[in-house]
C-alpha atoms as a PDB file:
ATOM      1  CA  MET A   1       0.000   0.000   0.000  1.00  0.00           C
ATOM      2  CA  ALA A   2       1.218   3.513  -0.721  1.00  0.00           C
ATOM      3  CA  ARG A   3       2.001   6.081   1.941  1.00  0.00           C
ATOM      4  CA  LEU A   4       0.664   9.595   2.140  1.00  0.00           C
ATOM      5  CA  ALA A   5       3.056  12.485   1.499  1.00  0.00           C
ATOM      6  CA  SER A   6       0.774  14.999   3.216  1.00  0.00           C
ATOM      7  CA  THR A   7      -2.019  15.003   5.780  1.00  0.00           C
ATOM      8  CA  VAL A   8      -5.456  14.548   4.220  1.00  0.00           C
ATOM      9  CA  TYR A   9      -8.946  14.975   5.673  1.00  0.00           C
ATOM     10  CA  VAL A  10     -11.475  12.470   4.352  1.00  0.00           C
ATOM     11  CA  LEU A  11     -15.210  12.246   4.996  1.00  0.00           C
ATOM     12  CA  ASP A  12     -15.878   8.633   6.012  1.00  0.00           C
ATOM     13  CA  PRO A  13     -18.887   7.421   3.984  1.00  0.00           C
ATOM     14  CA  ASP A  14     -19.894   4.947   6.721  1.00  0.00           C
ATOM     15  CA  THR A  15     -19.799   7.212   9.789  1.00  0.00           C
ATOM     16  CA  HIS A  16     -20.174  10.589   8.019  1.00  0.00           C
ATOM     17  CA  GLN A  17     -17.371  11.965  10.186  1.00  0.00           C
ATOM     18  CA  TRP A  18     -14.101  13.550   9.123  1.00  0.00           C
ATOM     19  CA  VAL A  19     -11.077  11.251   9.384  1.00  0.00           C
ATOM     20  CA  ILE A  20      -7.514  12.600   9.505  1.00  0.00           C
ATOM     21  CA  CYS A  21      -5.055  10.554   7.470  1.00  0.00           C
ATOM     22  CA  ASP A  22      -1.607  11.743   8.558  1.00  0.00           C
ATOM     23  CA  ALA A  23       1.420  12.062   6.295  1.00  0.00           C
ATOM     24  CA  GLY A  24       3.602   8.934   6.288  1.00  0.00           C
ATOM     25  CA  THR A  25       0.717   6.587   7.086  1.00  0.00           C
ATOM     26  CA  GLU A  26      -1.052   4.000   4.976  1.00  0.00           C
ATOM     27  CA  PRO A  27      -4.816   4.695   5.148  1.00  0.00           C
ATOM     28  CA  GLU A  28      -7.395   1.940   5.036  1.00  0.00           C
ATOM     29  CA  PRO A  29      -8.164   0.860   1.449  1.00  0.00           C
ATOM     30  CA  ARG A  30     -11.746   2.174   1.675  1.00  0.00           C
ATOM     31  CA  LEU A  31     -10.430   5.608   2.702  1.00  0.00           C
ATOM     32  CA  ALA A  32      -7.503   5.500   0.274  1.00  0.00           C
ATOM     33  CA  ALA A  33      -9.996   5.106  -2.567  1.00  0.00           C
ATOM     34  CA  LEU A  34     -11.421   8.513  -1.660  1.00  0.00           C
ATOM     35  CA  ILE A  35      -8.030  10.277  -1.882  1.00  0.00           C
ATOM     36  CA  ARG A  36      -7.627  10.934  -5.590  1.00  0.00           C
ATOM     37  CA  THR A  37      -5.159  13.815  -5.472  1.00  0.00           C
ATOM     38  CA  ASP A  38      -1.843  12.519  -6.842  1.00  0.00           C
ATOM     39  CA  SER A  39       0.226  15.072  -4.921  1.00  0.00           C
ATOM     40  CA  ALA A  40      -1.083  13.673  -1.599  1.00  0.00           C
ATOM     41  CA  TRP A  41       0.751  10.384  -2.192  1.00  0.00           C
ATOM     42  CA  GLU A  42       4.453   9.600  -1.956  1.00  0.00           C
ATOM     43  CA  GLY A  43       5.839   9.305  -5.467  1.00  0.00           C
ATOM     44  CA  GLY A  44       3.225  11.765  -6.755  1.00  0.00           C
ATOM     45  CA  GLU A  45       0.868   9.087  -7.995  1.00  0.00           C
ATOM     46  CA  ALA A  46      -2.307   7.721  -6.423  1.00  0.00           C
ATOM     47  CA  PRO A  47      -2.178   3.953  -5.846  1.00  0.00           C
ATOM     48  CA  ALA A  48      -4.042   1.681  -8.210  1.00  0.00           C
ATOM     49  CA  LEU A  49      -6.834   0.101  -6.227  1.00  0.00           C
ATOM     50  CA  ASP A  50      -8.244  -3.300  -7.064  1.00  0.00           C
ATOM     51  CA  ALA A  51     -11.720  -2.371  -8.161  1.00  0.00           C
ATOM     52  CA  ALA A  52     -14.115  -5.107  -9.112  1.00  0.00           C
ATOM     53  CA  PRO A  53     -16.117  -4.356 -12.237  1.00  0.00           C
ATOM     54  CA  PRO A  54     -19.678  -3.317 -11.474  1.00  0.00           C
ATOM     55  CA  ALA A  55     -22.164  -6.139 -11.401  1.00  0.00           C
ATOM     56  CA  PRO A  56     -24.445  -6.214 -14.427  1.00  0.00           C
ATOM     57  CA  ASP A  57     -28.056  -5.306 -13.888  1.00  0.00           C
ATOM     58  CA  PRO A  58     -30.330  -8.328 -13.716  1.00  0.00           C
ATOM     59  CA  ASP A  59     -32.564  -8.884 -16.712  1.00  0.00           C
ATOM     60  CA  PRO A  60     -35.867  -7.197 -15.801  1.00  0.00           C
ATOM     61  CA  GLY A  61     -37.865  -9.639 -17.910  1.00  0.00           C
ATOM     62  CA  PRO A  62     -41.189  -9.041 -19.645  1.00  0.00           C
ATOM     63  CA  ASN A  63     -43.075  -7.886 -16.516  1.00  0.00           C
ATOM     64  CA  ASP A  64     -40.790  -4.946 -15.726  1.00  0.00           C
ATOM     65  CA  PRO A  65     -42.966  -2.228 -14.142  1.00  0.00           C
ATOM     66  CA  GLY A  66     -40.491   0.439 -15.332  1.00  0.00           C
ATOM     67  CA  THR A  67     -41.408   0.080 -19.011  1.00  0.00           C
ATOM     68  CA  PRO A  68     -45.008   0.785 -20.008  1.00  0.00           C
ATOM     69  CA  GLU A  69     -46.785  -1.573 -22.350  1.00  0.00           C
ATOM     70  CA  PRO A  70     -47.630  -0.245 -25.809  1.00  0.00           C
ATOM     71  CA  GLY A  71     -50.708   1.936 -25.512  1.00  0.00           C
ATOM     72  CA  GLU A  72     -50.150   2.552 -21.797  1.00  0.00           C
ATOM     73  CA  THR A  73     -49.071   6.126 -21.360  1.00  0.00           C
ATOM     74  CA  GLU A  74     -49.466   8.601 -18.579  1.00  0.00           C
ATOM     75  CA  PRO A  75     -52.237  11.142 -19.019  1.00  0.00           C
ATOM     76  CA  ASP A  76     -51.062  14.539 -20.183  1.00  0.00           C
ATOM     77  CA  LYS A  77     -50.137  16.642 -17.202  1.00  0.00           C
ATOM     78  CA  LYS A  78     -51.262  20.202 -16.943  1.00  0.00           C
ATOM     79  CA  PRO A  79     -48.420  22.667 -17.444  1.00  0.00           C
ATOM     80  CA  ARG A  80     -47.418  24.525 -14.350  1.00  0.00           C
ATOM     81  CA  THR A  81     -48.492  28.153 -14.329  1.00  0.00           C
ATOM     82  CA  ARG A  82     -46.866  31.081 -12.610  1.00  0.00           C
ATOM     83  CA  ARG A  83     -48.595  33.437 -10.259  1.00  0.00           C
ATOM     84  CA  PRO A  84     -48.861  37.030 -11.374  1.00  0.00           C
ATOM     85  CA  ALA A  85     -46.420  39.399  -9.731  1.00  0.00           C
ATOM     86  CA  ALA A  86     -47.713  41.246  -6.696  1.00  0.00           C
ATOM     87  CA  LYS A  87     -48.559  44.878  -7.304  1.00  0.00           C
ATOM     88  CA  THR A  88     -46.616  47.395  -5.313  1.00  0.00           C
ATOM     89  CA  ASP A  89     -47.978  50.745  -4.164  1.00  0.00           C
ATOM     90  CA  GLN A  90     -45.889  53.732  -5.075  1.00  0.00           C
END
C-alpha cells in the first residue's frame, strides 16, 4: 500500500465523520480510494486500487414495471403556471 506524502482529511462514507489521514501513514483501502489527489501520495501518484467491475443489472424480464406496455401512457399533465407578480404601491 502507498504512503501519504501529506495530511489529508477524508469524509468517512460509513460514519459521516471527518477522518484525519496523517502524512507517512497507509490509510485503510476504503479511505484510500477517496483520496484521488496525486500530490497527496508519496511518489506523486495515487495507488491503483483493485476495483471489481460493477455487477451487471439483472434482466428485468417481460413484466418490468419500469417500461409501459404499448398503448399505456401517462395522461397529459397540466403545465405549471406562474402566479402574477404582486402589485406594489408607489
